[in-house]
Amino acid sequence: MEAFEQITEDDIRASVSRLDFNLQSMTRDEFADRLVGLMKGELMPKDVQGISDETMERIYALAYSAFSAGRIDDARTLFQFLCANDYLSGRYWLGLGACEYAEEDYASAVQAYAMACLTSPGDPRPRLRSADCLLALGQPSSAITALREAVELCGDAAEHASRRARAEKLLGVVEASLAELAEA
């Protein structure tokens, strides 16, 4: 945000007044207000562009359907759009991570899951999925950390019982493997 602190609200309004494009249903002042809101961290890019929550939900449904149908490139493109326009929604990052995982780009998947962890700190799913990627990347110690966090976040919640069981099982296998290597 420091780079934007040099730009004043008046600078934004002056720049918008010189724009030569169709703002559709927005006045130049409304657009400038939205840009100011974006710069202050009060709005998401989707808000500046006038993309409704309903439209974002429809795009999410399309992305999910494309992923389910095995059209990973299409799904990735849609999830990238969603993440770019509402970067605080953890489920968009989960979707993008799943696309990267499906394409075996585990490093990119870990990055997407890290964003999901930041935007949805109480959700165990991104940690569990990160652990899978970290194991594929040959990083068992980091996977153990992710699995321990997933188990903790699952707690005793019934909705996370299967996730907790999977995380505990995988954690036991990875810890046992590391212990065997240490003894050898």
N, C-alpha and C. Protein backbone atom coordinates (compact mmCIF):
# COMPACT_ATOMS: atom_id res chain seq x y z
N MET A 1 0.81 -1.19 0.00
CA MET A 1 0.00 0.00 0.00
C MET A 1 0.86 1.26 0.00
N GLU A 2 2.13 1.14 0.38
CA GLU A 2 3.00 2.31 0.47
C GLU A 2 3.12 3.05 -0.86
N ALA A 3 3.21 2.31 -1.96
CA ALA A 3 3.35 2.96 -3.27
C ALA A 3 2.13 3.82 -3.58
N PHE A 4 0.97 3.39 -3.10
CA PHE A 4 -0.26 4.12 -3.39
C PHE A 4 -0.46 5.32 -2.47
N GLU A 5 0.28 5.36 -1.37
CA GLU A 5 0.14 6.48 -0.47
C GLU A 5 0.59 7.78 -1.11
N GLN A 6 1.41 7.68 -2.16
CA GLN A 6 1.87 8.85 -2.88
C GLN A 6 0.77 9.41 -3.79
N ILE A 7 -0.17 8.55 -4.16
CA ILE A 7 -1.25 8.96 -5.05
C ILE A 7 -2.40 9.48 -4.21
N THR A 8 -2.86 10.68 -4.53
CA THR A 8 -3.96 11.25 -3.76
C THR A 8 -5.29 10.94 -4.43
N GLU A 9 -6.33 11.13 -3.67
CA GLU A 9 -7.68 10.96 -4.20
C GLU A 9 -7.90 11.90 -5.39
N ASP A 10 -7.37 13.12 -5.29
CA ASP A 10 -7.49 14.09 -6.38
C ASP A 10 -6.77 13.60 -7.64
N ASP A 11 -5.61 12.95 -7.47
CA ASP A 11 -4.89 12.38 -8.61
C ASP A 11 -5.75 11.35 -9.33
N ILE A 12 -6.39 10.49 -8.56
CA ILE A 12 -7.25 9.46 -9.15
C ILE A 12 -8.39 10.10 -9.91
N ARG A 13 -9.06 11.05 -9.28
CA ARG A 13 -10.21 11.71 -9.93
C ARG A 13 -9.77 12.45 -11.21
N ALA A 14 -8.62 13.10 -11.18
CA ALA A 14 -8.13 13.80 -12.37
C ALA A 14 -7.82 12.82 -13.49
N SER A 15 -7.23 11.68 -13.15
CA SER A 15 -6.92 10.67 -14.16
C SER A 15 -8.19 10.10 -14.77
N VAL A 16 -9.18 9.82 -13.93
CA VAL A 16 -10.43 9.26 -14.42
C VAL A 16 -11.15 10.26 -15.33
N SER A 17 -11.06 11.53 -15.01
CA SER A 17 -11.75 12.53 -15.83
C SER A 17 -11.19 12.58 -17.25
N ARG A 18 -9.94 12.12 -17.44
CA ARG A 18 -9.32 12.13 -18.76
C ARG A 18 -9.51 10.83 -19.52
N LEU A 19 -10.11 9.83 -18.87
CA LEU A 19 -10.30 8.54 -19.53
C LEU A 19 -11.31 8.67 -20.65
N ASP A 20 -11.03 7.97 -21.74
CA ASP A 20 -11.93 7.99 -22.88
C ASP A 20 -12.42 6.57 -23.16
N PHE A 21 -13.35 6.13 -22.35
CA PHE A 21 -13.94 4.81 -22.56
C PHE A 21 -15.35 4.81 -21.99
N ASN A 22 -16.09 3.80 -22.35
CA ASN A 22 -17.47 3.69 -21.93
C ASN A 22 -17.51 3.07 -20.53
N LEU A 23 -18.02 3.79 -19.57
CA LEU A 23 -18.13 3.29 -18.21
C LEU A 23 -19.45 2.55 -17.98
N GLN A 24 -20.20 2.34 -19.03
CA GLN A 24 -21.47 1.64 -18.99
C GLN A 24 -22.42 2.30 -18.00
N SER A 25 -22.73 1.65 -16.90
CA SER A 25 -23.76 2.16 -15.99
C SER A 25 -23.19 3.05 -14.88
N MET A 26 -21.91 3.42 -14.97
CA MET A 26 -21.26 4.21 -13.92
C MET A 26 -20.90 5.60 -14.43
N THR A 27 -21.05 6.55 -13.57
CA THR A 27 -20.53 7.88 -13.90
C THR A 27 -19.03 7.87 -13.62
N ARG A 28 -18.34 8.85 -14.13
CA ARG A 28 -16.91 8.96 -13.87
C ARG A 28 -16.64 9.14 -12.38
N ASP A 29 -17.50 9.89 -11.70
CA ASP A 29 -17.33 10.08 -10.25
C ASP A 29 -17.52 8.76 -9.50
N GLU A 30 -18.50 7.96 -9.91
CA GLU A 30 -18.71 6.66 -9.26
C GLU A 30 -17.50 5.75 -9.49
N PHE A 31 -16.97 5.78 -10.71
CA PHE A 31 -15.80 4.97 -11.01
C PHE A 31 -14.60 5.43 -10.17
N ALA A 32 -14.42 6.75 -10.07
CA ALA A 32 -13.32 7.29 -9.26
C ALA A 32 -13.49 6.89 -7.80
N ASP A 33 -14.73 6.95 -7.30
CA ASP A 33 -14.99 6.53 -5.92
C ASP A 33 -14.60 5.07 -5.71
N ARG A 34 -14.92 4.24 -6.69
CA ARG A 34 -14.59 2.82 -6.58
C ARG A 34 -13.07 2.60 -6.61
N LEU A 35 -12.38 3.35 -7.46
CA LEU A 35 -10.92 3.23 -7.49
C LEU A 35 -10.31 3.66 -6.16
N VAL A 36 -10.83 4.72 -5.60
CA VAL A 36 -10.34 5.19 -4.29
C VAL A 36 -10.60 4.09 -3.25
N GLY A 37 -11.77 3.49 -3.29
CA GLY A 37 -12.10 2.40 -2.37
C GLY A 37 -11.16 1.22 -2.53
N LEU A 38 -10.80 0.91 -3.78
CA LEU A 38 -9.86 -0.17 -4.05
C LEU A 38 -8.49 0.17 -3.46
N MET A 39 -8.04 1.40 -3.68
CA MET A 39 -6.73 1.82 -3.19
C MET A 39 -6.67 1.82 -1.66
N LYS A 40 -7.80 2.09 -1.02
CA LYS A 40 -7.85 2.09 0.45
C LYS A 40 -8.07 0.70 1.02
N GLY A 41 -8.26 -0.28 0.16
CA GLY A 41 -8.50 -1.64 0.62
C GLY A 41 -9.93 -1.89 1.06
N GLU A 42 -10.82 -1.00 0.70
CA GLU A 42 -12.22 -1.12 1.09
C GLU A 42 -13.04 -1.91 0.07
N LEU A 43 -12.55 -2.01 -1.15
CA LEU A 43 -13.26 -2.70 -2.22
C LEU A 43 -12.36 -3.72 -2.90
N MET A 44 -12.97 -4.68 -3.51
CA MET A 44 -12.28 -5.68 -4.32
C MET A 44 -12.31 -5.22 -5.78
N PRO A 45 -11.41 -5.76 -6.60
CA PRO A 45 -11.45 -5.42 -8.02
C PRO A 45 -12.83 -5.67 -8.66
N LYS A 46 -13.52 -6.71 -8.23
CA LYS A 46 -14.85 -6.99 -8.77
C LYS A 46 -15.81 -5.82 -8.53
N ASP A 47 -15.64 -5.15 -7.40
CA ASP A 47 -16.50 -4.02 -7.07
C ASP A 47 -16.22 -2.83 -7.98
N VAL A 48 -14.96 -2.62 -8.30
CA VAL A 48 -14.58 -1.52 -9.19
C VAL A 48 -15.18 -1.75 -10.57
N GLN A 49 -15.17 -3.00 -11.00
CA GLN A 49 -15.68 -3.34 -12.32
C GLN A 49 -17.20 -3.50 -12.36
N GLY A 50 -17.83 -3.47 -11.20
CA GLY A 50 -19.28 -3.62 -11.15
C GLY A 50 -19.74 -5.06 -11.32
N ILE A 51 -18.90 -6.02 -10.94
CA ILE A 51 -19.27 -7.43 -11.03
C ILE A 51 -19.99 -7.81 -9.74
N SER A 52 -21.22 -8.25 -9.86
CA SER A 52 -22.03 -8.56 -8.68
C SER A 52 -21.60 -9.87 -8.04
N ASP A 53 -22.01 -10.04 -6.78
CA ASP A 53 -21.77 -11.30 -6.08
C ASP A 53 -22.48 -12.45 -6.79
N GLU A 54 -23.65 -12.17 -7.32
CA GLU A 54 -24.40 -13.19 -8.06
C GLU A 54 -23.63 -13.64 -9.30
N THR A 55 -23.03 -12.71 -10.00
CA THR A 55 -22.22 -13.05 -11.18
C THR A 55 -21.00 -13.87 -10.77
N MET A 56 -20.37 -13.49 -9.67
CA MET A 56 -19.22 -14.25 -9.18
C MET A 56 -19.64 -15.68 -8.83
N GLU A 57 -20.82 -15.83 -8.24
CA GLU A 57 -21.32 -17.17 -7.91
C GLU A 57 -21.55 -18.00 -9.18
N ARG A 58 -22.08 -17.35 -10.20
CA ARG A 58 -22.31 -18.06 -11.47
C ARG A 58 -20.99 -18.49 -12.10
N ILE A 59 -20.00 -17.63 -12.04
CA ILE A 59 -18.69 -17.97 -12.58
C ILE A 59 -18.07 -19.11 -11.77
N TYR A 60 -18.24 -19.06 -10.45
CA TYR A 60 -17.75 -20.14 -9.60
C TYR A 60 -18.41 -21.47 -9.99
N ALA A 61 -19.71 -21.44 -10.22
CA ALA A 61 -20.42 -22.66 -10.63
C ALA A 61 -19.88 -23.18 -11.96
N LEU A 62 -19.59 -22.28 -12.89
CA LEU A 62 -19.01 -22.68 -14.18
C LEU A 62 -17.62 -23.30 -13.97
N ALA A 63 -16.82 -22.67 -13.12
CA ALA A 63 -15.47 -23.18 -12.85
C ALA A 63 -15.53 -24.56 -12.21
N TYR A 64 -16.41 -24.71 -11.25
CA TYR A 64 -16.57 -25.99 -10.56
C TYR A 64 -17.04 -27.07 -11.54
N SER A 65 -17.99 -26.71 -12.39
CA SER A 65 -18.49 -27.67 -13.40
C SER A 65 -17.39 -28.06 -14.38
N ALA A 66 -16.61 -27.08 -14.82
CA ALA A 66 -15.52 -27.36 -15.75
C ALA A 66 -14.51 -28.30 -15.09
N PHE A 67 -14.18 -28.04 -13.83
CA PHE A 67 -13.24 -28.90 -13.12
C PHE A 67 -13.80 -30.32 -12.99
N SER A 68 -15.05 -30.41 -12.61
CA SER A 68 -15.69 -31.72 -12.44
C SER A 68 -15.76 -32.50 -13.74
N ALA A 69 -15.84 -31.78 -14.85
CA ALA A 69 -15.90 -32.41 -16.17
C ALA A 69 -14.51 -32.71 -16.73
N GLY A 70 -13.47 -32.37 -15.97
CA GLY A 70 -12.11 -32.64 -16.42
C GLY A 70 -11.54 -31.60 -17.35
N ARG A 71 -12.22 -30.48 -17.50
CA ARG A 71 -11.72 -29.38 -18.33
C ARG A 71 -10.89 -28.45 -17.43
N ILE A 72 -9.71 -28.93 -17.08
CA ILE A 72 -8.88 -28.26 -16.08
C ILE A 72 -8.41 -26.89 -16.54
N ASP A 73 -8.02 -26.77 -17.80
CA ASP A 73 -7.55 -25.46 -18.29
C ASP A 73 -8.67 -24.42 -18.21
N ASP A 74 -9.88 -24.81 -18.60
CA ASP A 74 -11.02 -23.88 -18.51
C ASP A 74 -11.29 -23.52 -17.06
N ALA A 75 -11.27 -24.53 -16.20
CA ALA A 75 -11.52 -24.29 -14.77
C ALA A 75 -10.46 -23.36 -14.20
N ARG A 76 -9.19 -23.61 -14.55
CA ARG A 76 -8.09 -22.78 -14.03
C ARG A 76 -8.29 -21.32 -14.45
N THR A 77 -8.62 -21.10 -15.70
CA THR A 77 -8.84 -19.74 -16.18
C THR A 77 -9.94 -19.04 -15.38
N LEU A 78 -11.03 -19.76 -15.14
CA LEU A 78 -12.14 -19.17 -14.38
C LEU A 78 -11.76 -18.93 -12.92
N PHE A 79 -11.06 -19.89 -12.31
CA PHE A 79 -10.63 -19.69 -10.92
C PHE A 79 -9.62 -18.56 -10.81
N GLN A 80 -8.74 -18.40 -11.80
CA GLN A 80 -7.80 -17.28 -11.79
C GLN A 80 -8.56 -15.96 -11.85
N PHE A 81 -9.59 -15.91 -12.69
CA PHE A 81 -10.43 -14.70 -12.77
C PHE A 81 -11.07 -14.41 -11.41
N LEU A 82 -11.63 -15.45 -10.80
CA LEU A 82 -12.29 -15.27 -9.50
C LEU A 82 -11.30 -14.79 -8.44
N CYS A 83 -10.13 -15.41 -8.40
CA CYS A 83 -9.11 -15.02 -7.41
C CYS A 83 -8.64 -13.59 -7.62
N ALA A 84 -8.47 -13.20 -8.85
CA ALA A 84 -7.99 -11.85 -9.15
C ALA A 84 -9.03 -10.79 -8.78
N ASN A 85 -10.30 -11.15 -8.88
CA ASN A 85 -11.35 -10.17 -8.65
C ASN A 85 -11.91 -10.17 -7.24
N ASP A 86 -11.66 -11.25 -6.49
CA ASP A 86 -12.05 -11.30 -5.08
C ASP A 86 -11.02 -12.17 -4.37
N TYR A 87 -9.86 -11.59 -4.11
CA TYR A 87 -8.72 -12.34 -3.60
C TYR A 87 -8.86 -12.71 -2.13
N LEU A 88 -9.95 -12.35 -1.49
CA LEU A 88 -10.16 -12.72 -0.09
C LEU A 88 -11.11 -13.90 0.09
N SER A 89 -11.48 -14.53 -1.01
CA SER A 89 -12.37 -15.69 -0.94
C SER A 89 -11.55 -16.98 -0.99
N GLY A 90 -11.49 -17.67 0.13
CA GLY A 90 -10.70 -18.89 0.22
C GLY A 90 -11.13 -19.98 -0.73
N ARG A 91 -12.42 -20.09 -1.01
CA ARG A 91 -12.85 -21.18 -1.88
C ARG A 91 -12.39 -20.99 -3.32
N TYR A 92 -12.20 -19.75 -3.74
CA TYR A 92 -11.65 -19.53 -5.08
C TYR A 92 -10.22 -20.04 -5.14
N TRP A 93 -9.45 -19.76 -4.08
CA TRP A 93 -8.06 -20.23 -4.02
C TRP A 93 -8.01 -21.75 -3.93
N LEU A 94 -8.95 -22.35 -3.20
CA LEU A 94 -9.01 -23.82 -3.15
C LEU A 94 -9.24 -24.40 -4.54
N GLY A 95 -10.14 -23.78 -5.28
CA GLY A 95 -10.42 -24.24 -6.65
C GLY A 95 -9.20 -24.12 -7.55
N LEU A 96 -8.51 -22.99 -7.44
CA LEU A 96 -7.30 -22.81 -8.25
C LEU A 96 -6.24 -23.83 -7.84
N GLY A 97 -6.09 -24.05 -6.55
CA GLY A 97 -5.13 -25.05 -6.08
C GLY A 97 -5.46 -26.43 -6.60
N ALA A 98 -6.73 -26.77 -6.63
CA ALA A 98 -7.14 -28.08 -7.14
C ALA A 98 -6.79 -28.23 -8.62
N CYS A 99 -6.94 -27.16 -9.37
CA CYS A 99 -6.57 -27.20 -10.80
C CYS A 99 -5.07 -27.43 -10.96
N GLU A 100 -4.29 -26.70 -10.18
CA GLU A 100 -2.83 -26.84 -10.26
C GLU A 100 -2.41 -28.25 -9.83
N TYR A 101 -3.05 -28.77 -8.81
CA TYR A 101 -2.76 -30.13 -8.35
C TYR A 101 -3.10 -31.15 -9.43
N ALA A 102 -4.24 -30.97 -10.06
CA ALA A 102 -4.66 -31.90 -11.12
C ALA A 102 -3.67 -31.91 -12.28
N GLU A 103 -3.02 -30.80 -12.50
CA GLU A 103 -2.02 -30.70 -13.57
C GLU A 103 -0.62 -31.04 -13.07
N GLU A 104 -0.54 -31.50 -11.83
CA GLU A 104 0.71 -31.88 -11.18
C GLU A 104 1.71 -30.72 -11.05
N ASP A 105 1.18 -29.51 -11.00
CA ASP A 105 2.01 -28.33 -10.73
C ASP A 105 1.90 -28.07 -9.23
N TYR A 106 2.60 -28.91 -8.46
CA TYR A 106 2.44 -28.91 -7.01
C TYR A 106 2.91 -27.62 -6.36
N ALA A 107 3.95 -27.01 -6.89
CA ALA A 107 4.45 -25.75 -6.31
C ALA A 107 3.39 -24.65 -6.45
N SER A 108 2.76 -24.57 -7.62
CA SER A 108 1.70 -23.57 -7.80
C SER A 108 0.49 -23.89 -6.94
N ALA A 109 0.21 -25.17 -6.79
CA ALA A 109 -0.91 -25.58 -5.93
C ALA A 109 -0.66 -25.16 -4.49
N VAL A 110 0.57 -25.36 -4.02
CA VAL A 110 0.91 -24.95 -2.65
C VAL A 110 0.70 -23.45 -2.48
N GLN A 111 1.09 -22.67 -3.48
CA GLN A 111 0.89 -21.22 -3.40
C GLN A 111 -0.59 -20.87 -3.30
N ALA A 112 -1.41 -21.52 -4.12
CA ALA A 112 -2.85 -21.25 -4.08
C ALA A 112 -3.43 -21.67 -2.73
N TYR A 113 -3.00 -22.83 -2.24
CA TYR A 113 -3.50 -23.29 -0.94
C TYR A 113 -3.02 -22.39 0.19
N ALA A 114 -1.83 -21.81 0.05
CA ALA A 114 -1.35 -20.86 1.06
C ALA A 114 -2.27 -19.64 1.12
N MET A 115 -2.70 -19.19 -0.03
CA MET A 115 -3.65 -18.07 -0.06
C MET A 115 -4.98 -18.48 0.57
N ALA A 116 -5.40 -19.71 0.32
CA ALA A 116 -6.63 -20.20 0.94
C ALA A 116 -6.48 -20.24 2.46
N CYS A 117 -5.30 -20.62 2.94
CA CYS A 117 -5.04 -20.63 4.39
C CYS A 117 -5.14 -19.22 4.97
N LEU A 118 -4.60 -18.26 4.25
CA LEU A 118 -4.63 -16.87 4.73
C LEU A 118 -6.03 -16.30 4.72
N THR A 119 -6.81 -16.63 3.70
CA THR A 119 -8.13 -16.04 3.56
C THR A 119 -9.21 -16.81 4.31
N SER A 120 -8.93 -18.06 4.65
CA SER A 120 -9.88 -18.89 5.41
C SER A 120 -9.10 -19.60 6.52
N PRO A 121 -8.65 -18.86 7.52
CA PRO A 121 -7.73 -19.43 8.52
C PRO A 121 -8.31 -20.59 9.33
N GLY A 122 -9.60 -20.71 9.43
CA GLY A 122 -10.18 -21.79 10.21
C GLY A 122 -10.53 -23.03 9.41
N ASP A 123 -10.22 -23.04 8.14
CA ASP A 123 -10.58 -24.14 7.25
C ASP A 123 -9.41 -25.12 7.15
N PRO A 124 -9.63 -26.39 7.52
CA PRO A 124 -8.53 -27.36 7.45
C PRO A 124 -8.21 -27.85 6.04
N ARG A 125 -9.12 -27.67 5.10
CA ARG A 125 -8.93 -28.24 3.76
C ARG A 125 -7.66 -27.78 3.05
N PRO A 126 -7.34 -26.48 3.05
CA PRO A 126 -6.13 -26.09 2.32
C PRO A 126 -4.85 -26.67 2.93
N ARG A 127 -4.84 -26.86 4.22
CA ARG A 127 -3.65 -27.45 4.86
C ARG A 127 -3.51 -28.92 4.48
N LEU A 128 -4.62 -29.63 4.48
CA LEU A 128 -4.60 -31.04 4.10
C LEU A 128 -4.18 -31.20 2.64
N ARG A 129 -4.70 -30.35 1.79
CA ARG A 129 -4.34 -30.42 0.37
C ARG A 129 -2.89 -29.97 0.14
N SER A 130 -2.45 -29.00 0.91
CA SER A 130 -1.05 -28.57 0.82
C SER A 130 -0.12 -29.72 1.19
N ALA A 131 -0.51 -30.48 2.21
CA ALA A 131 0.32 -31.61 2.63
C ALA A 131 0.52 -32.60 1.49
N ASP A 132 -0.54 -32.88 0.74
CA ASP A 132 -0.42 -33.77 -0.42
C ASP A 132 0.62 -33.24 -1.41
N CYS A 133 0.55 -31.94 -1.66
CA CYS A 133 1.48 -31.31 -2.60
C CYS A 133 2.91 -31.33 -2.07
N LEU A 134 3.04 -31.02 -0.80
CA LEU A 134 4.37 -30.98 -0.19
C LEU A 134 5.02 -32.36 -0.21
N LEU A 135 4.23 -33.40 -0.02
CA LEU A 135 4.77 -34.76 -0.12
C LEU A 135 5.21 -35.05 -1.55
N ALA A 136 4.42 -34.62 -2.52
CA ALA A 136 4.79 -34.81 -3.93
C ALA A 136 6.05 -34.04 -4.29
N LEU A 137 6.29 -32.94 -3.59
CA LEU A 137 7.49 -32.12 -3.81
C LEU A 137 8.68 -32.61 -3.00
N GLY A 138 8.48 -33.69 -2.23
CA GLY A 138 9.59 -34.22 -1.43
C GLY A 138 9.90 -33.40 -0.20
N GLN A 139 8.88 -32.79 0.39
CA GLN A 139 9.06 -31.95 1.58
C GLN A 139 8.24 -32.52 2.75
N PRO A 140 8.63 -33.70 3.25
CA PRO A 140 7.82 -34.34 4.30
C PRO A 140 7.74 -33.54 5.60
N SER A 141 8.78 -32.83 5.98
CA SER A 141 8.74 -32.06 7.23
C SER A 141 7.68 -30.95 7.15
N SER A 142 7.63 -30.29 6.01
CA SER A 142 6.61 -29.26 5.82
C SER A 142 5.22 -29.88 5.75
N ALA A 143 5.13 -31.06 5.15
CA ALA A 143 3.84 -31.76 5.09
C ALA A 143 3.35 -32.11 6.49
N ILE A 144 4.27 -32.53 7.35
CA ILE A 144 3.91 -32.85 8.73
C ILE A 144 3.32 -31.62 9.43
N THR A 145 3.95 -30.49 9.25
CA THR A 145 3.43 -29.25 9.84
C THR A 145 2.02 -28.97 9.35
N ALA A 146 1.81 -29.08 8.04
CA ALA A 146 0.49 -28.83 7.46
C ALA A 146 -0.55 -29.82 7.99
N LEU A 147 -0.15 -31.07 8.12
CA LEU A 147 -1.07 -32.10 8.61
C LEU A 147 -1.43 -31.86 10.08
N ARG A 148 -0.45 -31.50 10.88
CA ARG A 148 -0.74 -31.20 12.30
C ARG A 148 -1.72 -30.03 12.41
N GLU A 149 -1.51 -29.01 11.58
CA GLU A 149 -2.43 -27.87 11.60
C GLU A 149 -3.82 -28.30 11.15
N ALA A 150 -3.89 -29.16 10.14
CA ALA A 150 -5.19 -29.64 9.66
C ALA A 150 -5.92 -30.40 10.76
N VAL A 151 -5.21 -31.28 11.45
CA VAL A 151 -5.83 -32.05 12.55
C VAL A 151 -6.36 -31.10 13.61
N GLU A 152 -5.55 -30.12 13.98
CA GLU A 152 -5.97 -29.15 15.00
C GLU A 152 -7.21 -28.38 14.57
N LEU A 153 -7.23 -27.95 13.30
CA LEU A 153 -8.38 -27.18 12.81
C LEU A 153 -9.64 -28.04 12.68
N CYS A 154 -9.46 -29.30 12.39
CA CYS A 154 -10.63 -30.20 12.30
C CYS A 154 -11.29 -30.34 13.66
N GLY A 155 -10.47 -30.40 14.69
CA GLY A 155 -11.01 -30.56 16.04
C GLY A 155 -11.93 -31.77 16.10
N ASP A 156 -13.01 -31.62 16.83
CA ASP A 156 -13.98 -32.70 16.97
C ASP A 156 -15.23 -32.45 16.13
N ALA A 157 -15.16 -31.47 15.23
CA ALA A 157 -16.33 -31.14 14.41
C ALA A 157 -16.73 -32.31 13.52
N ALA A 158 -17.99 -32.67 13.58
CA ALA A 158 -18.50 -33.79 12.79
C ALA A 158 -18.30 -33.56 11.29
N GLU A 159 -18.43 -32.31 10.86
CA GLU A 159 -18.28 -32.01 9.43
C GLU A 159 -16.87 -32.27 8.91
N HIS A 160 -15.89 -32.31 9.83
CA HIS A 160 -14.50 -32.53 9.43
C HIS A 160 -13.97 -33.90 9.86
N ALA A 161 -14.84 -34.78 10.29
CA ALA A 161 -14.40 -36.08 10.83
C ALA A 161 -13.58 -36.87 9.80
N SER A 162 -14.04 -36.93 8.56
CA SER A 162 -13.30 -37.70 7.55
C SER A 162 -11.98 -37.03 7.21
N ARG A 163 -11.95 -35.72 7.20
CA ARG A 163 -10.70 -34.99 6.95
C ARG A 163 -9.71 -35.23 8.08
N ARG A 164 -10.22 -35.19 9.30
CA ARG A 164 -9.33 -35.42 10.45
C ARG A 164 -8.75 -36.83 10.39
N ALA A 165 -9.60 -37.80 10.09
CA ALA A 165 -9.12 -39.19 10.02
C ALA A 165 -8.06 -39.35 8.94
N ARG A 166 -8.29 -38.73 7.79
CA ARG A 166 -7.31 -38.80 6.70
C ARG A 166 -6.01 -38.12 7.10
N ALA A 167 -6.11 -36.93 7.71
CA ALA A 167 -4.91 -36.19 8.12
C ALA A 167 -4.13 -36.98 9.17
N GLU A 168 -4.82 -37.56 10.14
CA GLU A 168 -4.14 -38.34 11.19
C GLU A 168 -3.45 -39.57 10.60
N LYS A 169 -4.13 -40.25 9.70
CA LYS A 169 -3.55 -41.44 9.07
C LYS A 169 -2.30 -41.07 8.27
N LEU A 170 -2.42 -40.03 7.44
CA LEU A 170 -1.28 -39.59 6.63
C LEU A 170 -0.14 -39.10 7.52
N LEU A 171 -0.49 -38.39 8.57
CA LEU A 171 0.52 -37.90 9.51
C LEU A 171 1.29 -39.07 10.12
N GLY A 172 0.59 -40.11 10.52
CA GLY A 172 1.24 -41.29 11.09
C GLY A 172 2.19 -41.95 10.11
N VAL A 173 1.75 -42.07 8.85
CA VAL A 173 2.57 -42.70 7.82
C VAL A 173 3.84 -41.88 7.56
N VAL A 174 3.69 -40.58 7.43
CA VAL A 174 4.84 -39.71 7.13
C VAL A 174 5.81 -39.67 8.31
N GLU A 175 5.28 -39.54 9.51
CA GLU A 175 6.16 -39.53 10.68
C GLU A 175 6.91 -40.86 10.83
N ALA A 176 6.22 -41.97 10.58
CA ALA A 176 6.87 -43.29 10.66
C ALA A 176 7.97 -43.42 9.60
N SER A 177 7.69 -42.93 8.41
CA SER A 177 8.69 -42.97 7.33
C SER A 177 9.93 -42.16 7.69
N LEU A 178 9.71 -40.97 8.25
CA LEU A 178 10.85 -40.14 8.64
C LEU A 178 11.63 -40.79 9.78
N ALA A 179 10.93 -41.43 10.69
CA ALA A 179 11.60 -42.11 11.81
C ALA A 179 12.45 -43.26 11.30
N GLU A 180 11.94 -44.00 10.33
CA GLU A 180 12.71 -45.11 9.73
C GLU A 180 13.96 -44.59 9.04
N LEU A 181 13.83 -43.47 8.33
CA LEU A 181 14.99 -42.90 7.65
C LEU A 181 16.03 -42.42 8.66
N ALA A 182 15.56 -41.90 9.77
CA ALA A 182 16.50 -41.41 10.79
C ALA A 182 17.26 -42.56 11.43
N GLU A 183 16.62 -43.72 11.56
CA GLU A 183 17.27 -44.88 12.16
C GLU A 183 18.25 -45.55 11.21
N ALA A 184 18.03 -45.39 9.92
CA ALA A 184 18.88 -46.08 8.93
C ALA A 184 20.25 -45.49 8.80
